[in-house]
Amino acid sequence: MEFDLKKIDDIINSCGCEQKHLITVLQHIQSDLHYLPKEILEYISEKMDISIAKVFSVATFYENFSLDPKGKYVIKICDGTACHVRKSIPILERVRKILMLDENKSTTDDMMFTVETVSCLGACGLAPVITVNDKVHPAMTPDKAEELINEIKEAEASC
């Protein structure tokens, strides 16, 4: 895959080339690309004069960073205790069925959606909860989840 290295350079230059700015640089790049490609991590290592081992260790340590491509819309389905007892699994099953995903395939072929389960989203009083690109959707049901996905698809189709 071809990446716009000028954009990466702009991010590094705007954040700073010192090692203390590595996390910020990675956050900006992931925000732009939706993941951290190996080639880009190697480029960052060279550009910022940080060992590749250090760059990879930071990129793999923090849960919010991903080395795997993610879709434009990242759907996180909570399976913490409050959400689980309020039936989050049927929501997960419906979302995966609609998007033709499973436990081994979490991103759609068109790179539009990624579905992840998380242990807790910190919104237990609103359970069951899902987020779409970190926007909380409370009191979710399988039908509401399907409606939400259809709304996103319709909005994308009209763009």
C-alpha atoms as a PDB file:
ATOM      1  CA  MET A   1       0.000   0.000   0.000  1.00  0.00           C
ATOM      2  CA  GLU A   2       1.217   3.498  -0.827  1.00  0.00           C
ATOM      3  CA  PHE A   3       1.209   6.139   1.921  1.00  0.00           C
ATOM      4  CA  ASP A   4       1.496   9.915   1.718  1.00  0.00           C
ATOM      5  CA  LEU A   5       4.843  10.432   3.450  1.00  0.00           C
ATOM      6  CA  LYS A   6       4.534  14.207   3.155  1.00  0.00           C
ATOM      7  CA  LYS A   7       1.482  13.998   5.403  1.00  0.00           C
ATOM      8  CA  ILE A   8       3.467  11.874   7.870  1.00  0.00           C
ATOM      9  CA  ASP A   9       6.296  14.426   7.739  1.00  0.00           C
ATOM     10  CA  ASP A  10       3.797  17.222   8.409  1.00  0.00           C
ATOM     11  CA  ILE A  11       2.471  15.361  11.465  1.00  0.00           C
ATOM     12  CA  ILE A  12       5.963  14.733  12.817  1.00  0.00           C
ATOM     13  CA  ASN A  13       7.005  18.349  12.199  1.00  0.00           C
ATOM     14  CA  SER A  14       3.877  19.749  13.840  1.00  0.00           C
ATOM     15  CA  CYS A  15       4.230  17.516  16.927  1.00  0.00           C
ATOM     16  CA  GLY A  16       8.001  17.625  17.241  1.00  0.00           C
ATOM     17  CA  CYS A  17      10.782  15.173  16.448  1.00  0.00           C
ATOM     18  CA  GLU A  18      11.792  14.432  20.042  1.00  0.00           C
ATOM     19  CA  GLN A  19      11.058  10.996  21.496  1.00  0.00           C
ATOM     20  CA  LYS A  20       8.724  12.576  24.065  1.00  0.00           C
ATOM     21  CA  HIS A  21       6.320  13.360  21.177  1.00  0.00           C
ATOM     22  CA  LEU A  22       6.141   9.782  19.848  1.00  0.00           C
ATOM     23  CA  ILE A  23       2.733   8.952  21.335  1.00  0.00           C
ATOM     24  CA  THR A  24       1.235  12.168  19.973  1.00  0.00           C
ATOM     25  CA  VAL A  25       2.678  11.458  16.523  1.00  0.00           C
ATOM     26  CA  LEU A  26       1.260   7.917  16.611  1.00  0.00           C
ATOM     27  CA  GLN A  27      -2.150   9.217  17.712  1.00  0.00           C
ATOM     28  CA  HIS A  28      -2.320  11.698  14.833  1.00  0.00           C
ATOM     29  CA  ILE A  29      -1.236   9.113  12.277  1.00  0.00           C
ATOM     30  CA  GLN A  30      -3.710   6.539  13.539  1.00  0.00           C
ATOM     31  CA  SER A  31      -6.449   9.153  13.505  1.00  0.00           C
ATOM     32  CA  ASP A  32      -5.665   9.773   9.852  1.00  0.00           C
ATOM     33  CA  LEU A  33      -5.055   6.188   8.654  1.00  0.00           C
ATOM     34  CA  HIS A  34      -7.199   4.307  11.221  1.00  0.00           C
ATOM     35  CA  TYR A  35      -4.186   2.114  12.082  1.00  0.00           C
ATOM     36  CA  LEU A  36      -0.402   2.150  12.263  1.00  0.00           C
ATOM     37  CA  PRO A  37       1.132   0.361   9.275  1.00  0.00           C
ATOM     38  CA  LYS A  38       4.486  -1.339   9.813  1.00  0.00           C
ATOM     39  CA  GLU A  39       6.032   0.697   6.989  1.00  0.00           C
ATOM     40  CA  ILE A  40       4.971   3.933   8.667  1.00  0.00           C
ATOM     41  CA  LEU A  41       6.360   2.828  12.039  1.00  0.00           C
ATOM     42  CA  GLU A  42       9.686   2.150  10.331  1.00  0.00           C
ATOM     43  CA  TYR A  43       9.533   5.573   8.676  1.00  0.00           C
ATOM     44  CA  ILE A  44       8.782   7.247  12.022  1.00  0.00           C
ATOM     45  CA  SER A  45      11.737   5.428  13.588  1.00  0.00           C
ATOM     46  CA  GLU A  46      14.052   6.775  10.931  1.00  0.00           C
ATOM     47  CA  LYS A  47      12.570  10.294  10.841  1.00  0.00           C
ATOM     48  CA  MET A  48      12.486  10.764  14.620  1.00  0.00           C
ATOM     49  CA  ASP A  49      15.760   8.907  15.249  1.00  0.00           C
ATOM     50  CA  ILE A  50      14.106   6.459  17.639  1.00  0.00           C
ATOM     51  CA  SER A  51      14.902   2.751  17.547  1.00  0.00           C
ATOM     52  CA  ILE A  52      12.365   0.625  15.700  1.00  0.00           C
ATOM     53  CA  ALA A  53      12.074  -1.526  18.835  1.00  0.00           C
ATOM     54  CA  LYS A  54      11.027   1.526  20.868  1.00  0.00           C
ATOM     55  CA  VAL A  55       8.477   2.651  18.260  1.00  0.00           C
ATOM     56  CA  PHE A  56       6.956  -0.847  18.040  1.00  0.00           C
ATOM     57  CA  SER A  57       6.932  -1.261  21.817  1.00  0.00           C
ATOM     58  CA  VAL A  58       4.942   1.963  22.231  1.00  0.00           C
ATOM     59  CA  ALA A  59       2.596   1.119  19.340  1.00  0.00           C
ATOM     60  CA  THR A  60       1.856  -2.346  20.769  1.00  0.00           C
ATOM     61  CA  PHE A  61       1.719  -1.389  24.458  1.00  0.00           C
ATOM     62  CA  TYR A  62      -1.262   0.944  24.295  1.00  0.00           C
ATOM     63  CA  GLU A  63      -4.618  -0.690  23.576  1.00  0.00           C
ATOM     64  CA  ASN A  64      -5.877   2.259  21.523  1.00  0.00           C
ATOM     65  CA  PHE A  65      -3.193   1.740  18.884  1.00  0.00           C
ATOM     66  CA  SER A  66      -3.765  -0.852  16.184  1.00  0.00           C
ATOM     67  CA  LEU A  67      -1.295  -2.396  13.764  1.00  0.00           C
ATOM     68  CA  ASP A  68      -4.209  -3.871  11.809  1.00  0.00           C
ATOM     69  CA  PRO A  69      -6.322  -1.826   9.401  1.00  0.00           C
ATOM     70  CA  LYS A  70      -9.630  -0.638  10.820  1.00  0.00           C
ATOM     71  CA  GLY A  71     -12.759   0.526   9.129  1.00  0.00           C
ATOM     72  CA  LYS A  72     -13.955   4.099   8.889  1.00  0.00           C
ATOM     73  CA  TYR A  73     -16.516   3.291  11.589  1.00  0.00           C
ATOM     74  CA  VAL A  74     -15.237   1.392  14.618  1.00  0.00           C
ATOM     75  CA  ILE A  75     -18.093  -0.187  16.525  1.00  0.00           C
ATOM     76  CA  LYS A  76     -17.239  -1.242  20.073  1.00  0.00           C
ATOM     77  CA  ILE A  77     -19.708  -3.513  21.787  1.00  0.00           C
ATOM     78  CA  CYS A  78     -19.399  -3.641  25.550  1.00  0.00           C
ATOM     79  CA  ASP A  79     -19.422  -7.056  27.168  1.00  0.00           C
ATOM     80  CA  GLY A  80     -18.742  -5.951  30.713  1.00  0.00           C
ATOM     81  CA  THR A  81     -20.930  -7.366  33.465  1.00  0.00           C
ATOM     82  CA  ALA A  82     -23.726  -4.760  33.270  1.00  0.00           C
ATOM     83  CA  CYS A  83     -23.919  -4.947  29.476  1.00  0.00           C
ATOM     84  CA  HIS A  84     -23.574  -8.733  29.386  1.00  0.00           C
ATOM     85  CA  VAL A  85     -26.464  -9.342  31.788  1.00  0.00           C
ATOM     86  CA  ARG A  86     -28.545  -6.883  29.766  1.00  0.00           C
ATOM     87  CA  LYS A  87     -27.987  -8.951  26.604  1.00  0.00           C
ATOM     88  CA  SER A  88     -25.018  -7.450  24.760  1.00  0.00           C
ATOM     89  CA  ILE A  89     -24.186 -10.771  23.068  1.00  0.00           C
ATOM     90  CA  PRO A  90     -27.318 -10.795  20.857  1.00  0.00           C
ATOM     91  CA  ILE A  91     -26.357  -7.255  19.786  1.00  0.00           C
ATOM     92  CA  LEU A  92     -22.866  -8.439  18.861  1.00  0.00           C
ATOM     93  CA  GLU A  93     -24.291 -11.414  16.960  1.00  0.00           C
ATOM     94  CA  ARG A  94     -26.709  -9.218  14.988  1.00  0.00           C
ATOM     95  CA  VAL A  95     -24.052  -6.641  14.117  1.00  0.00           C
ATOM     96  CA  ARG A  96     -21.672  -9.345  12.934  1.00  0.00           C
ATOM     97  CA  LYS A  97     -24.420 -11.000  10.888  1.00  0.00           C
ATOM     98  CA  ILE A  98     -25.441  -7.720   9.197  1.00  0.00           C
ATOM     99  CA  LEU A  99     -21.831  -6.882   8.350  1.00  0.00           C
ATOM    100  CA  MET A 100     -20.872 -10.476   7.449  1.00  0.00           C
ATOM    101  CA  LEU A 101     -18.194 -10.626  10.138  1.00  0.00           C
ATOM    102  CA  ASP A 102     -17.261 -13.152  12.793  1.00  0.00           C
ATOM    103  CA  GLU A 103     -14.828 -13.613  15.678  1.00  0.00           C
ATOM    104  CA  ASN A 104     -11.993 -14.161  13.170  1.00  0.00           C
ATOM    105  CA  LYS A 105     -12.870 -11.306  10.815  1.00  0.00           C
ATOM    106  CA  SER A 106     -13.551  -7.967  12.458  1.00  0.00           C
ATOM    107  CA  THR A 107     -13.352  -5.526   9.517  1.00  0.00           C
ATOM    108  CA  THR A 108     -15.553  -5.437   6.444  1.00  0.00           C
ATOM    109  CA  ASP A 109     -13.922  -5.910   3.044  1.00  0.00           C
ATOM    110  CA  ASP A 110     -14.788  -2.350   2.025  1.00  0.00           C
ATOM    111  CA  MET A 111     -13.009  -1.014   5.140  1.00  0.00           C
ATOM    112  CA  MET A 112     -16.204   0.714   6.210  1.00  0.00           C
ATOM    113  CA  PHE A 113     -16.781  -1.068   9.567  1.00  0.00           C
ATOM    114  CA  THR A 114     -14.710  -2.703  12.285  1.00  0.00           C
ATOM    115  CA  VAL A 115     -16.464  -4.496  15.129  1.00  0.00           C
ATOM    116  CA  GLU A 116     -14.718  -5.026  18.450  1.00  0.00           C
ATOM    117  CA  THR A 117     -15.800  -6.240  21.854  1.00  0.00           C
ATOM    118  CA  VAL A 118     -14.503  -4.451  24.922  1.00  0.00           C
ATOM    119  CA  SER A 119     -14.574  -5.334  28.608  1.00  0.00           C
ATOM    120  CA  CYS A 120     -16.077  -2.033  29.706  1.00  0.00           C
ATOM    121  CA  LEU A 121     -16.965   1.298  28.133  1.00  0.00           C
ATOM    122  CA  GLY A 122     -17.573   2.960  31.499  1.00  0.00           C
ATOM    123  CA  ALA A 123     -21.261   3.593  30.886  1.00  0.00           C
ATOM    124  CA  CYS A 124     -22.753   0.789  32.973  1.00  0.00           C
ATOM    125  CA  GLY A 125     -25.853   2.781  33.905  1.00  0.00           C
ATOM    126  CA  LEU A 126     -26.712   3.021  30.202  1.00  0.00           C
ATOM    127  CA  ALA A 127     -26.223  -0.689  29.477  1.00  0.00           C
ATOM    128  CA  PRO A 128     -26.157  -2.304  27.079  1.00  0.00           C
ATOM    129  CA  VAL A 129     -23.925   0.165  25.299  1.00  0.00           C
ATOM    130  CA  ILE A 130     -22.092   0.348  22.005  1.00  0.00           C
ATOM    131  CA  THR A 131     -19.931   3.113  20.623  1.00  0.00           C
ATOM    132  CA  VAL A 132     -19.427   4.137  17.034  1.00  0.00           C
ATOM    133  CA  ASN A 133     -16.177   6.080  16.688  1.00  0.00           C
ATOM    134  CA  ASP A 134     -16.355   6.720  20.444  1.00  0.00           C
ATOM    135  CA  LYS A 135     -19.903   8.156  20.362  1.00  0.00           C
ATOM    136  CA  VAL A 136     -21.968   6.330  22.984  1.00  0.00           C
ATOM    137  CA  HIS A 137     -25.250   4.707  22.003  1.00  0.00           C
ATOM    138  CA  PRO A 138     -27.103   3.626  25.172  1.00  0.00           C
ATOM    139  CA  ALA A 139     -29.852   1.087  25.854  1.00  0.00           C
ATOM    140  CA  MET A 140     -28.953  -0.768  22.672  1.00  0.00           C
ATOM    141  CA  THR A 141     -30.915  -3.683  21.268  1.00  0.00           C
ATOM    142  CA  PRO A 142     -30.217  -5.845  18.228  1.00  0.00           C
ATOM    143  CA  ASP A 143     -32.906  -3.949  16.288  1.00  0.00           C
ATOM    144  CA  LYS A 144     -31.529  -0.531  17.299  1.00  0.00           C
ATOM    145  CA  ALA A 145     -28.025  -1.645  16.326  1.00  0.00           C
ATOM    146  CA  GLU A 146     -29.254  -2.736  12.899  1.00  0.00           C
ATOM    147  CA  GLU A 147     -31.078   0.584  12.466  1.00  0.00           C
ATOM    148  CA  LEU A 148     -27.906   2.494  13.433  1.00  0.00           C
ATOM    149  CA  ILE A 149     -25.792   0.575  10.918  1.00  0.00           C
ATOM    150  CA  ASN A 150     -28.387   1.172   8.197  1.00  0.00           C
ATOM    151  CA  GLU A 151     -28.374   4.909   8.996  1.00  0.00           C
ATOM    152  CA  ILE A 152     -24.582   5.006   8.660  1.00  0.00           C
ATOM    153  CA  LYS A 153     -24.740   3.099   5.353  1.00  0.00           C
ATOM    154  CA  GLU A 154     -27.411   5.472   4.011  1.00  0.00           C
ATOM    155  CA  ALA A 155     -25.404   8.528   5.054  1.00  0.00           C
ATOM    156  CA  GLU A 156     -22.316   7.114   3.335  1.00  0.00           C
ATOM    157  CA  ALA A 157     -24.275   6.338   0.166  1.00  0.00           C
ATOM    158  CA  SER A 158     -25.499   9.933  -0.058  1.00  0.00           C
ATOM    159  CA  CYS A 159     -21.960  11.382   0.188  1.00  0.00           C
END
